[in-house]
């Protein structure tokens, strides 16, 4: 009742100010969220040709490249040479068909050092539902990979251990059954290995 007793000109002048303050406040909160995501979530966006159009600061932090160095380049700039071609083909085949690809990627930093990520890559759509690019979200799994490596190698020799053998055998048996192929297995026995081991440690 008191509000409507004010002159109309005063009411009109006050509404935009309060609305503007509210919008500014919401924009500030939204920008804070965007900054948190930019600093902590490893993301990259490409166009349909695979050219990088956007990267987060977190992506720059893990890769060692600046945004200027990454934008306009292809993802291969941060790709490890050991990444199998089959994975890259499957990745592109999946996202170009409009589906989401999830998997492990071997990457390299600007200084050449390797790191691992779990990636989720999905298409971006325009208003008329056509694919206009792809967005990637990564999780750094380098520590997990190092622990995994330690669990399947012998500390003294660096050779793969029994755990690695079991894991590899299961994988190869599954592959042979899937491809309907034979699987060969050879076992070598080294004579007098104890003497060699005792002498060379």
N, C-alpha and C. Protein backbone atom coordinates (compact mmCIF):
# COMPACT_ATOMS: atom_id res chain seq x y z
N UNK A 1 0.85 -1.20 0.00
CA UNK A 1 0.00 0.00 0.00
C UNK A 1 0.88 1.23 0.00
N UNK A 2 1.91 1.24 0.82
CA UNK A 2 2.82 2.38 0.88
C UNK A 2 3.56 2.54 -0.44
N UNK A 3 3.89 1.39 -1.08
CA UNK A 3 4.63 1.43 -2.34
C UNK A 3 3.85 2.17 -3.41
N UNK A 4 2.57 1.87 -3.51
CA UNK A 4 1.75 2.48 -4.55
C UNK A 4 1.37 3.91 -4.23
N UNK A 5 1.65 4.37 -3.03
CA UNK A 5 1.37 5.77 -2.71
C UNK A 5 2.48 6.69 -3.24
N UNK A 6 3.62 6.07 -3.71
CA UNK A 6 4.69 6.87 -4.28
C UNK A 6 4.31 7.33 -5.69
N UNK A 7 4.84 8.46 -6.14
CA UNK A 7 4.58 8.90 -7.51
C UNK A 7 5.09 7.88 -8.51
N UNK A 8 4.41 7.75 -9.65
CA UNK A 8 4.73 6.77 -10.68
C UNK A 8 6.15 6.97 -11.23
N UNK A 9 6.59 8.21 -11.38
CA UNK A 9 7.92 8.49 -11.92
C UNK A 9 9.02 7.92 -11.03
N UNK A 10 8.80 7.99 -9.70
CA UNK A 10 9.79 7.44 -8.75
C UNK A 10 9.82 5.92 -8.85
N UNK A 11 8.63 5.31 -8.97
CA UNK A 11 8.55 3.85 -9.10
C UNK A 11 9.30 3.36 -10.34
N UNK A 12 9.07 4.02 -11.46
CA UNK A 12 9.70 3.63 -12.72
C UNK A 12 11.21 3.79 -12.65
N UNK A 13 11.65 4.87 -12.01
CA UNK A 13 13.10 5.11 -11.93
C UNK A 13 13.80 4.10 -11.04
N UNK A 14 13.06 3.55 -10.06
CA UNK A 14 13.69 2.61 -9.12
C UNK A 14 13.74 1.18 -9.65
N UNK A 15 12.80 0.78 -10.44
CA UNK A 15 12.73 -0.60 -10.93
C UNK A 15 13.96 -0.96 -11.76
N UNK A 16 14.34 -0.16 -12.75
CA UNK A 16 15.52 -0.53 -13.54
C UNK A 16 16.79 -0.63 -12.70
N UNK A 17 16.95 0.25 -11.70
CA UNK A 17 18.15 0.22 -10.87
C UNK A 17 18.24 -1.09 -10.09
N UNK A 18 17.14 -1.48 -9.47
CA UNK A 18 17.13 -2.71 -8.68
C UNK A 18 17.31 -3.93 -9.59
N UNK A 19 16.64 -3.89 -10.74
CA UNK A 19 16.75 -4.99 -11.69
C UNK A 19 18.19 -5.08 -12.21
N UNK A 20 18.78 -3.94 -12.50
CA UNK A 20 20.15 -3.89 -12.97
C UNK A 20 21.12 -4.43 -11.93
N UNK A 21 20.89 -4.06 -10.67
CA UNK A 21 21.74 -4.55 -9.58
C UNK A 21 21.64 -6.06 -9.45
N UNK A 22 20.40 -6.58 -9.58
CA UNK A 22 20.18 -8.02 -9.47
C UNK A 22 20.87 -8.75 -10.62
N UNK A 23 20.75 -8.19 -11.84
CA UNK A 23 21.39 -8.81 -13.01
C UNK A 23 22.90 -8.80 -12.85
N UNK A 24 23.43 -7.64 -12.38
CA UNK A 24 24.88 -7.54 -12.17
C UNK A 24 25.37 -8.53 -11.13
N UNK A 25 24.58 -8.69 -10.06
CA UNK A 25 24.93 -9.64 -9.00
C UNK A 25 24.95 -11.06 -9.53
N UNK A 26 23.92 -11.40 -10.34
CA UNK A 26 23.85 -12.75 -10.91
C UNK A 26 24.98 -12.99 -11.91
N UNK A 27 25.30 -11.95 -12.67
CA UNK A 27 26.41 -12.07 -13.63
C UNK A 27 27.74 -12.30 -12.92
N UNK A 28 27.91 -11.62 -11.77
CA UNK A 28 29.14 -11.79 -10.99
C UNK A 28 29.26 -13.23 -10.49
N UNK A 29 28.16 -13.76 -9.96
CA UNK A 29 28.15 -15.15 -9.46
C UNK A 29 28.43 -16.12 -10.61
N UNK A 30 27.77 -15.88 -11.76
CA UNK A 30 27.96 -16.74 -12.93
C UNK A 30 29.41 -16.70 -13.40
N UNK A 31 30.01 -15.53 -13.43
CA UNK A 31 31.39 -15.39 -13.86
C UNK A 31 32.34 -16.11 -12.90
N UNK A 32 32.01 -16.08 -11.61
CA UNK A 32 32.83 -16.80 -10.63
C UNK A 32 32.80 -18.30 -10.89
N UNK A 33 31.59 -18.82 -11.20
CA UNK A 33 31.46 -20.25 -11.54
C UNK A 33 32.27 -20.58 -12.80
N UNK A 34 32.16 -19.71 -13.81
CA UNK A 34 32.88 -19.93 -15.07
C UNK A 34 34.38 -19.94 -14.82
N UNK A 35 34.86 -19.03 -13.98
CA UNK A 35 36.29 -18.96 -13.66
C UNK A 35 36.77 -20.21 -12.94
N UNK A 36 35.94 -20.71 -12.00
CA UNK A 36 36.28 -21.94 -11.27
C UNK A 36 36.40 -23.12 -12.23
N UNK A 37 35.43 -23.22 -13.16
CA UNK A 37 35.45 -24.30 -14.15
C UNK A 37 36.67 -24.17 -15.05
N UNK A 38 36.93 -22.94 -15.52
CA UNK A 38 38.06 -22.69 -16.41
C UNK A 38 39.39 -23.08 -15.76
N UNK A 39 39.53 -22.81 -14.47
CA UNK A 39 40.79 -23.08 -13.77
C UNK A 39 40.95 -24.54 -13.38
N UNK A 40 39.83 -25.27 -13.24
CA UNK A 40 39.91 -26.63 -12.67
C UNK A 40 39.44 -27.77 -13.56
N UNK A 41 38.72 -27.47 -14.63
CA UNK A 41 38.22 -28.53 -15.50
C UNK A 41 39.00 -28.49 -16.82
N UNK A 42 39.61 -29.63 -17.18
CA UNK A 42 40.42 -29.71 -18.40
C UNK A 42 39.49 -29.92 -19.59
N UNK A 43 39.27 -28.85 -20.37
CA UNK A 43 38.35 -28.94 -21.50
C UNK A 43 38.96 -28.32 -22.75
N UNK A 44 38.47 -28.80 -23.88
CA UNK A 44 38.86 -28.24 -25.18
C UNK A 44 37.69 -28.40 -26.13
N UNK A 45 37.58 -27.46 -27.06
CA UNK A 45 36.52 -27.51 -28.07
C UNK A 45 37.16 -27.38 -29.44
N UNK A 46 36.67 -28.18 -30.40
CA UNK A 46 37.16 -28.09 -31.78
C UNK A 46 35.99 -27.85 -32.72
N UNK A 47 36.32 -27.42 -33.95
CA UNK A 47 35.27 -27.36 -34.97
C UNK A 47 35.15 -28.73 -35.62
N UNK A 48 34.35 -28.85 -36.66
CA UNK A 48 34.13 -30.16 -37.28
C UNK A 48 35.36 -30.70 -37.99
N UNK A 49 36.32 -29.82 -38.29
CA UNK A 49 37.56 -30.26 -38.94
C UNK A 49 38.63 -30.64 -37.91
N UNK A 50 38.29 -30.52 -36.62
CA UNK A 50 39.24 -30.89 -35.58
C UNK A 50 40.18 -29.77 -35.20
N UNK A 51 39.90 -28.54 -35.61
CA UNK A 51 40.73 -27.40 -35.25
C UNK A 51 40.29 -26.88 -33.88
N UNK A 52 41.23 -26.69 -32.97
CA UNK A 52 40.90 -26.23 -31.62
C UNK A 52 40.39 -24.79 -31.66
N UNK A 53 39.22 -24.56 -31.06
CA UNK A 53 38.62 -23.22 -31.01
C UNK A 53 38.62 -22.63 -29.61
N UNK A 54 38.61 -23.50 -28.60
CA UNK A 54 38.63 -23.03 -27.20
C UNK A 54 39.35 -24.06 -26.34
N UNK A 55 40.06 -23.58 -25.31
CA UNK A 55 40.64 -24.46 -24.29
C UNK A 55 40.53 -23.77 -22.94
N UNK A 56 40.44 -24.57 -21.90
CA UNK A 56 40.39 -24.00 -20.55
C UNK A 56 41.81 -23.73 -20.05
N UNK A 57 41.90 -22.89 -19.03
CA UNK A 57 43.20 -22.64 -18.41
C UNK A 57 43.77 -23.92 -17.80
N UNK A 58 42.88 -24.79 -17.33
CA UNK A 58 43.32 -26.07 -16.76
C UNK A 58 43.99 -26.94 -17.83
N UNK A 59 43.48 -26.87 -19.07
CA UNK A 59 44.09 -27.61 -20.18
C UNK A 59 45.51 -27.08 -20.43
N UNK A 60 45.63 -25.76 -20.41
CA UNK A 60 46.96 -25.15 -20.60
C UNK A 60 47.90 -25.55 -19.47
N UNK A 61 47.36 -25.62 -18.25
CA UNK A 61 48.17 -25.98 -17.09
C UNK A 61 48.75 -27.37 -17.18
N UNK A 62 47.95 -28.33 -17.63
CA UNK A 62 48.44 -29.71 -17.69
C UNK A 62 49.31 -29.96 -18.93
N UNK A 63 49.01 -29.26 -20.04
CA UNK A 63 49.74 -29.51 -21.28
C UNK A 63 51.01 -28.67 -21.42
N UNK A 64 51.05 -27.53 -20.71
CA UNK A 64 52.21 -26.65 -20.82
C UNK A 64 52.13 -25.70 -22.01
N UNK A 65 51.10 -25.83 -22.84
CA UNK A 65 50.90 -24.92 -23.97
C UNK A 65 50.05 -23.73 -23.53
N UNK A 66 50.25 -22.59 -24.16
CA UNK A 66 49.39 -21.42 -23.90
C UNK A 66 48.17 -21.52 -24.80
N UNK A 67 47.13 -20.74 -24.47
CA UNK A 67 45.93 -20.72 -25.30
C UNK A 67 46.27 -20.28 -26.72
N UNK A 68 47.17 -19.32 -26.81
CA UNK A 68 47.58 -18.80 -28.12
C UNK A 68 48.23 -19.89 -28.97
N UNK A 69 49.00 -20.76 -28.33
CA UNK A 69 49.68 -21.84 -29.04
C UNK A 69 48.71 -22.95 -29.46
N UNK A 70 47.62 -23.14 -28.69
CA UNK A 70 46.70 -24.23 -28.95
C UNK A 70 45.59 -23.88 -29.93
N UNK A 71 45.00 -22.69 -29.78
CA UNK A 71 43.86 -22.31 -30.63
C UNK A 71 44.33 -22.17 -32.08
N UNK A 72 43.57 -22.83 -32.97
CA UNK A 72 43.94 -22.84 -34.38
C UNK A 72 44.73 -24.07 -34.79
N UNK A 73 45.16 -24.87 -33.78
CA UNK A 73 45.91 -26.11 -34.04
C UNK A 73 44.98 -27.31 -33.95
N UNK A 74 45.48 -28.46 -34.37
CA UNK A 74 44.73 -29.72 -34.21
C UNK A 74 45.15 -30.36 -32.89
N UNK A 75 44.31 -31.23 -32.30
CA UNK A 75 44.65 -31.87 -31.02
C UNK A 75 45.96 -32.65 -31.04
N UNK A 76 46.45 -33.00 -32.22
CA UNK A 76 47.71 -33.73 -32.33
C UNK A 76 48.88 -32.98 -31.70
N UNK A 77 48.73 -31.68 -31.50
CA UNK A 77 49.80 -30.88 -30.89
C UNK A 77 50.12 -31.38 -29.48
N UNK A 78 49.10 -31.94 -28.80
CA UNK A 78 49.29 -32.45 -27.44
C UNK A 78 49.13 -33.97 -27.38
N UNK A 79 49.31 -34.61 -28.52
CA UNK A 79 49.11 -36.05 -28.62
C UNK A 79 50.45 -36.78 -28.56
N UNK A 80 50.52 -37.85 -27.78
CA UNK A 80 51.75 -38.63 -27.70
C UNK A 80 51.92 -39.46 -28.97
N UNK A 81 53.15 -39.57 -29.49
CA UNK A 81 53.37 -40.36 -30.72
C UNK A 81 52.96 -41.82 -30.59
N UNK A 82 52.93 -42.34 -29.35
CA UNK A 82 52.58 -43.74 -29.14
C UNK A 82 51.07 -44.01 -29.19
N UNK A 83 50.24 -42.96 -29.30
CA UNK A 83 48.80 -43.16 -29.34
C UNK A 83 48.43 -43.96 -30.59
N UNK A 84 47.81 -45.15 -30.42
CA UNK A 84 47.51 -46.00 -31.58
C UNK A 84 46.54 -45.33 -32.56
N UNK A 85 46.78 -45.56 -33.85
CA UNK A 85 45.92 -45.01 -34.91
C UNK A 85 44.49 -45.54 -34.79
N UNK A 86 44.35 -46.78 -34.31
CA UNK A 86 43.02 -47.40 -34.20
C UNK A 86 42.14 -46.61 -33.23
N UNK A 87 42.75 -46.12 -32.13
CA UNK A 87 42.00 -45.35 -31.14
C UNK A 87 41.52 -44.04 -31.76
N UNK A 88 42.41 -43.37 -32.51
CA UNK A 88 42.04 -42.09 -33.14
C UNK A 88 40.91 -42.29 -34.16
N UNK A 89 41.01 -43.37 -34.94
CA UNK A 89 39.97 -43.65 -35.94
C UNK A 89 38.62 -43.93 -35.28
N UNK A 90 38.67 -44.74 -34.21
CA UNK A 90 37.43 -45.07 -33.49
C UNK A 90 36.82 -43.82 -32.87
N UNK A 91 37.68 -42.97 -32.30
CA UNK A 91 37.23 -41.72 -31.67
C UNK A 91 36.47 -40.86 -32.68
N UNK A 92 37.09 -40.59 -33.83
CA UNK A 92 36.46 -39.73 -34.83
C UNK A 92 35.22 -40.36 -35.44
N UNK A 93 35.26 -41.67 -35.66
CA UNK A 93 34.09 -42.37 -36.20
C UNK A 93 32.90 -42.23 -35.26
N UNK A 94 33.18 -42.33 -33.95
CA UNK A 94 32.12 -42.26 -32.94
C UNK A 94 31.49 -40.86 -32.87
N UNK A 95 32.34 -39.84 -32.72
CA UNK A 95 31.79 -38.48 -32.54
C UNK A 95 31.15 -37.94 -33.83
N UNK A 96 31.70 -38.32 -34.99
CA UNK A 96 31.11 -37.85 -36.25
C UNK A 96 29.76 -38.48 -36.52
N UNK A 97 29.50 -39.64 -35.86
CA UNK A 97 28.18 -40.27 -35.99
C UNK A 97 27.19 -39.72 -34.97
N UNK A 98 27.64 -38.73 -34.17
CA UNK A 98 26.74 -38.08 -33.22
C UNK A 98 26.73 -38.71 -31.84
N UNK A 99 27.64 -39.64 -31.59
CA UNK A 99 27.69 -40.32 -30.29
C UNK A 99 28.83 -39.76 -29.43
N UNK A 100 28.82 -40.15 -28.17
CA UNK A 100 29.87 -39.73 -27.22
C UNK A 100 30.94 -40.80 -27.15
N UNK A 101 32.20 -40.38 -27.24
CA UNK A 101 33.32 -41.31 -27.12
C UNK A 101 33.96 -41.15 -25.75
N UNK A 102 34.24 -42.28 -25.10
CA UNK A 102 34.94 -42.27 -23.81
C UNK A 102 36.11 -43.22 -23.90
N UNK A 103 37.25 -42.79 -23.37
CA UNK A 103 38.41 -43.67 -23.40
C UNK A 103 39.64 -43.00 -22.84
N UNK A 104 40.72 -43.76 -22.86
CA UNK A 104 41.99 -43.30 -22.31
C UNK A 104 42.88 -42.78 -23.44
N UNK A 105 43.51 -41.62 -23.21
CA UNK A 105 44.38 -41.03 -24.22
C UNK A 105 45.78 -40.78 -23.65
N UNK A 106 46.77 -41.09 -24.46
CA UNK A 106 48.17 -40.84 -24.09
C UNK A 106 48.55 -39.50 -24.70
N UNK A 107 48.98 -38.55 -23.88
CA UNK A 107 49.28 -37.19 -24.34
C UNK A 107 50.73 -36.83 -24.03
N UNK A 108 51.15 -35.69 -24.58
CA UNK A 108 52.47 -35.17 -24.24
C UNK A 108 52.38 -33.66 -23.99
N UNK A 109 53.19 -33.23 -23.03
CA UNK A 109 53.24 -31.80 -22.71
C UNK A 109 54.13 -31.06 -23.71
N UNK A 110 54.15 -29.77 -23.57
CA UNK A 110 54.97 -28.93 -24.45
C UNK A 110 56.44 -29.31 -24.37
N UNK A 111 56.89 -29.74 -23.16
CA UNK A 111 58.29 -30.13 -22.99
C UNK A 111 58.56 -31.58 -23.42
N UNK A 112 57.54 -32.25 -23.93
CA UNK A 112 57.70 -33.61 -24.42
C UNK A 112 57.39 -34.70 -23.42
N UNK A 113 57.20 -34.34 -22.14
CA UNK A 113 56.91 -35.35 -21.12
C UNK A 113 55.49 -35.89 -21.29
N UNK A 114 55.30 -37.19 -21.00
CA UNK A 114 53.99 -37.81 -21.22
C UNK A 114 53.03 -37.63 -20.05
N UNK A 115 51.75 -37.69 -20.34
CA UNK A 115 50.71 -37.77 -19.30
C UNK A 115 49.49 -38.48 -19.88
N UNK A 116 48.66 -39.00 -19.00
CA UNK A 116 47.49 -39.78 -19.41
C UNK A 116 46.21 -39.07 -18.97
N UNK A 117 45.17 -39.21 -19.80
CA UNK A 117 43.86 -38.67 -19.42
C UNK A 117 42.76 -39.65 -19.77
N UNK A 118 41.68 -39.59 -18.98
CA UNK A 118 40.41 -40.23 -19.36
C UNK A 118 39.61 -39.15 -20.05
N UNK A 119 39.19 -39.39 -21.27
CA UNK A 119 38.51 -38.36 -22.06
C UNK A 119 37.06 -38.73 -22.33
N UNK A 120 36.21 -37.71 -22.31
CA UNK A 120 34.82 -37.83 -22.78
C UNK A 120 34.66 -36.77 -23.86
N UNK A 121 34.36 -37.21 -25.07
CA UNK A 121 34.26 -36.29 -26.21
C UNK A 121 32.88 -36.44 -26.84
N UNK A 122 32.19 -35.31 -27.01
CA UNK A 122 30.83 -35.37 -27.54
C UNK A 122 30.59 -34.23 -28.53
N UNK A 123 29.64 -34.43 -29.45
CA UNK A 123 29.36 -33.41 -30.48
C UNK A 123 28.63 -32.19 -29.90
N UNK A 124 28.87 -31.02 -30.53
CA UNK A 124 28.11 -29.80 -30.27
C UNK A 124 27.16 -29.60 -31.44
N UNK A 125 25.91 -29.20 -31.13
CA UNK A 125 24.91 -29.06 -32.19
C UNK A 125 24.46 -27.61 -32.36
N UNK A 126 24.09 -27.28 -33.59
CA UNK A 126 23.51 -25.96 -33.88
C UNK A 126 22.02 -26.01 -33.58
N UNK A 127 21.34 -24.88 -33.78
CA UNK A 127 19.89 -24.83 -33.54
C UNK A 127 19.12 -25.75 -34.47
N UNK A 128 19.63 -25.97 -35.68
CA UNK A 128 18.93 -26.88 -36.61
C UNK A 128 19.43 -28.32 -36.50
N UNK A 129 20.11 -28.61 -35.36
CA UNK A 129 20.51 -29.97 -35.01
C UNK A 129 21.61 -30.56 -35.88
N UNK A 130 22.46 -29.73 -36.45
CA UNK A 130 23.62 -30.24 -37.19
C UNK A 130 24.87 -30.07 -36.34
N UNK A 131 25.82 -30.98 -36.50
CA UNK A 131 27.04 -30.95 -35.69
C UNK A 131 27.91 -29.77 -36.14
N UNK A 132 28.31 -28.94 -35.15
CA UNK A 132 29.14 -27.77 -35.47
C UNK A 132 30.52 -27.85 -34.80
N UNK A 133 30.75 -28.92 -34.04
CA UNK A 133 32.04 -29.07 -33.38
C UNK A 133 31.99 -30.16 -32.33
N UNK A 134 33.06 -30.25 -31.56
CA UNK A 134 33.16 -31.30 -30.54
C UNK A 134 33.77 -30.72 -29.26
N UNK A 135 33.23 -31.15 -28.13
CA UNK A 135 33.76 -30.72 -26.84
C UNK A 135 34.37 -31.91 -26.12
N UNK A 136 35.54 -31.69 -25.54
CA UNK A 136 36.26 -32.76 -24.82
C UNK A 136 36.44 -32.35 -23.36
N UNK A 137 36.17 -33.29 -22.47
CA UNK A 137 36.42 -33.09 -21.04
C UNK A 137 37.38 -34.19 -20.61
N UNK A 138 38.46 -33.79 -19.95
CA UNK A 138 39.52 -34.73 -19.59
C UNK A 138 39.70 -34.82 -18.07
N UNK A 139 40.14 -35.98 -17.63
CA UNK A 139 40.54 -36.18 -16.24
C UNK A 139 41.97 -36.71 -16.24
N UNK A 140 42.85 -36.06 -15.52
CA UNK A 140 44.26 -36.48 -15.46
C UNK A 140 44.36 -37.80 -14.70
N UNK A 141 44.85 -38.85 -15.37
CA UNK A 141 44.97 -40.17 -14.75
C UNK A 141 46.43 -40.63 -14.69
N UNK A 142 47.36 -39.67 -14.77
CA UNK A 142 48.79 -40.02 -14.79
C UNK A 142 49.21 -40.77 -13.53
N UNK A 143 48.76 -40.32 -12.35
CA UNK A 143 49.13 -41.00 -11.10
C UNK A 143 48.57 -42.42 -11.07
N UNK A 144 47.33 -42.56 -11.52
CA UNK A 144 46.70 -43.88 -11.57
C UNK A 144 47.49 -44.80 -12.50
N UNK A 145 47.94 -44.24 -13.62
CA UNK A 145 48.71 -45.02 -14.60
C UNK A 145 50.05 -45.46 -14.01
N UNK A 146 50.69 -44.56 -13.25
CA UNK A 146 51.98 -44.90 -12.62
C UNK A 146 51.80 -46.03 -11.61
N UNK A 147 50.75 -45.96 -10.81
CA UNK A 147 50.48 -47.01 -9.81
C UNK A 147 50.19 -48.33 -10.51
N UNK A 148 49.43 -48.24 -11.60
CA UNK A 148 49.10 -49.43 -12.40
C UNK A 148 50.38 -50.08 -12.95
N UNK A 149 51.29 -49.21 -13.42
CA UNK A 149 52.57 -49.70 -13.97
C UNK A 149 53.39 -50.39 -12.89
N UNK A 150 53.43 -49.79 -11.69
CA UNK A 150 54.17 -50.39 -10.58
C UNK A 150 53.62 -51.75 -10.20
N UNK A 151 52.29 -51.90 -10.32
CA UNK A 151 51.66 -53.16 -9.89
C UNK A 151 51.92 -54.31 -10.86
N UNK A 152 52.36 -54.00 -12.09
CA UNK A 152 52.57 -55.08 -13.07
C UNK A 152 54.04 -55.25 -13.47
N UNK A 153 54.93 -54.56 -12.76
CA UNK A 153 56.36 -54.72 -13.08
C UNK A 153 57.16 -55.12 -11.84
N UNK A 154 58.24 -55.83 -12.10
CA UNK A 154 59.14 -56.23 -11.03
C UNK A 154 60.04 -55.04 -10.67
N UNK A 155 60.15 -54.75 -9.39
CA UNK A 155 60.90 -53.57 -8.93
C UNK A 155 62.38 -53.67 -9.30
N UNK A 156 62.96 -54.87 -9.16
CA UNK A 156 64.39 -55.05 -9.40
C UNK A 156 64.76 -54.95 -10.88
N UNK A 157 64.02 -55.67 -11.73
CA UNK A 157 64.40 -55.75 -13.15
C UNK A 157 63.63 -54.80 -14.06
N UNK A 158 62.45 -54.36 -13.59
CA UNK A 158 61.60 -53.53 -14.45
C UNK A 158 60.83 -54.35 -15.46
N UNK A 159 60.97 -55.69 -15.40
CA UNK A 159 60.24 -56.57 -16.32
C UNK A 159 58.82 -56.79 -15.83
N UNK A 160 57.94 -57.15 -16.76
CA UNK A 160 56.55 -57.42 -16.38
C UNK A 160 56.48 -58.66 -15.48
N UNK A 161 55.57 -58.61 -14.51
CA UNK A 161 55.46 -59.68 -13.52
C UNK A 161 54.28 -60.61 -13.81
N UNK A 162 53.98 -61.49 -12.86
CA UNK A 162 52.91 -62.48 -13.02
C UNK A 162 51.55 -61.80 -13.17
N UNK A 163 51.32 -60.73 -12.45
CA UNK A 163 50.05 -60.00 -12.56
C UNK A 163 49.86 -59.50 -13.99
N UNK A 164 50.95 -58.99 -14.58
CA UNK A 164 50.89 -58.51 -15.96
C UNK A 164 50.59 -59.67 -16.91
N UNK A 165 51.23 -60.82 -16.65
CA UNK A 165 50.99 -62.01 -17.48
C UNK A 165 49.53 -62.40 -17.46
N UNK A 166 48.95 -62.48 -16.27
CA UNK A 166 47.54 -62.86 -16.14
C UNK A 166 46.62 -61.89 -16.88
N UNK A 167 46.92 -60.61 -16.73
CA UNK A 167 46.11 -59.57 -17.37
C UNK A 167 46.20 -59.67 -18.89
N UNK A 168 47.43 -59.84 -19.39
CA UNK A 168 47.65 -59.93 -20.84
C UNK A 168 47.02 -61.19 -21.41
N UNK A 169 47.16 -62.32 -20.70
CA UNK A 169 46.60 -63.58 -21.17
C UNK A 169 45.09 -63.50 -21.29
N UNK A 170 44.43 -62.92 -20.27
CA UNK A 170 42.96 -62.75 -20.32
C UNK A 170 42.54 -61.92 -21.53
N UNK A 171 43.28 -60.83 -21.77
CA UNK A 171 42.96 -59.94 -22.89
C UNK A 171 43.14 -60.66 -24.22
N UNK A 172 44.25 -61.41 -24.35
CA UNK A 172 44.53 -62.10 -25.61
C UNK A 172 43.57 -63.25 -25.87
N UNK A 173 43.17 -63.95 -24.80
CA UNK A 173 42.17 -65.02 -24.94
C UNK A 173 40.84 -64.45 -25.42
N UNK A 174 40.44 -63.32 -24.84
CA UNK A 174 39.19 -62.67 -25.25
C UNK A 174 39.26 -62.22 -26.70
N UNK A 175 40.43 -61.67 -27.09
CA UNK A 175 40.61 -61.22 -28.48
C UNK A 175 40.52 -62.40 -29.45
N UNK A 176 41.17 -63.52 -29.08
CA UNK A 176 41.17 -64.70 -29.94
C UNK A 176 39.75 -65.26 -30.11
N UNK A 177 38.99 -65.29 -29.03
CA UNK A 177 37.61 -65.79 -29.11
C UNK A 177 36.74 -64.86 -29.94
N UNK A 178 36.93 -63.54 -29.74
CA UNK A 178 36.14 -62.56 -30.48
C UNK A 178 36.43 -62.64 -31.98
N UNK A 179 37.73 -62.77 -32.32
CA UNK A 179 38.12 -62.81 -33.74
C UNK A 179 38.10 -64.22 -34.32
N UNK A 180 37.74 -65.20 -33.48
CA UNK A 180 37.71 -66.61 -33.89
C UNK A 180 39.06 -67.03 -34.49
N UNK A 181 40.12 -66.76 -33.75
CA UNK A 181 41.47 -67.10 -34.19
C UNK A 181 42.16 -67.98 -33.16
N UNK A 182 43.21 -68.67 -33.62
CA UNK A 182 44.00 -69.51 -32.73
C UNK A 182 44.92 -68.63 -31.89
N UNK A 183 45.27 -69.12 -30.71
CA UNK A 183 46.20 -68.40 -29.85
C UNK A 183 47.35 -69.33 -29.49
N UNK A 184 48.57 -68.90 -29.83
CA UNK A 184 49.74 -69.72 -29.52
C UNK A 184 50.39 -69.28 -28.21
N UNK A 185 50.99 -70.24 -27.53
CA UNK A 185 51.64 -69.92 -26.25
C UNK A 185 52.96 -70.69 -26.18
N UNK A 186 54.05 -69.97 -25.92
CA UNK A 186 55.36 -70.62 -25.82
C UNK A 186 55.94 -70.36 -24.44
N UNK A 187 56.50 -71.41 -23.82
CA UNK A 187 57.12 -71.25 -22.51
C UNK A 187 58.59 -71.65 -22.61
N UNK A 188 59.47 -70.78 -22.15
CA UNK A 188 60.91 -71.06 -22.21
C UNK A 188 61.43 -71.33 -20.81
N UNK A 189 62.29 -72.31 -20.71
CA UNK A 189 62.92 -72.64 -19.43
C UNK A 189 64.41 -72.34 -19.55
N UNK A 190 64.94 -71.50 -18.68
CA UNK A 190 66.35 -71.13 -18.75
C UNK A 190 67.14 -71.99 -17.75
N UNK A 191 68.05 -72.77 -18.26
CA UNK A 191 68.85 -73.65 -17.39
C UNK A 191 69.83 -72.82 -16.56
N UNK A 192 70.03 -73.26 -15.34
CA UNK A 192 71.01 -72.68 -14.42
C UNK A 192 70.80 -71.17 -14.19
N UNK A 193 69.54 -70.74 -14.25
CA UNK A 193 69.26 -69.30 -14.09
C UNK A 193 69.61 -68.84 -12.68
N UNK A 194 69.50 -69.74 -11.71
CA UNK A 194 69.82 -69.37 -10.33
C UNK A 194 71.28 -68.91 -10.22
N UNK A 195 72.17 -69.60 -10.90
CA UNK A 195 73.59 -69.21 -10.87
C UNK A 195 73.78 -67.80 -11.45
N UNK A 196 73.08 -67.55 -12.57
CA UNK A 196 73.15 -66.22 -13.20
C UNK A 196 72.62 -65.17 -12.24
N UNK A 197 71.50 -65.49 -11.62
CA UNK A 197 70.86 -64.55 -10.70
C UNK A 197 71.73 -64.30 -9.46
N UNK A 198 72.32 -65.35 -8.96
CA UNK A 198 73.19 -65.20 -7.77
C UNK A 198 74.43 -64.37 -8.10
N UNK A 199 74.94 -64.54 -9.32
CA UNK A 199 76.17 -63.84 -9.70
C UNK A 199 75.94 -62.37 -10.02
N UNK A 200 74.85 -62.10 -10.79
CA UNK A 200 74.60 -60.72 -11.25
C UNK A 200 73.56 -59.99 -10.41
N UNK A 201 72.87 -60.68 -9.56
CA UNK A 201 71.87 -60.04 -8.70
C UNK A 201 70.62 -59.67 -9.46
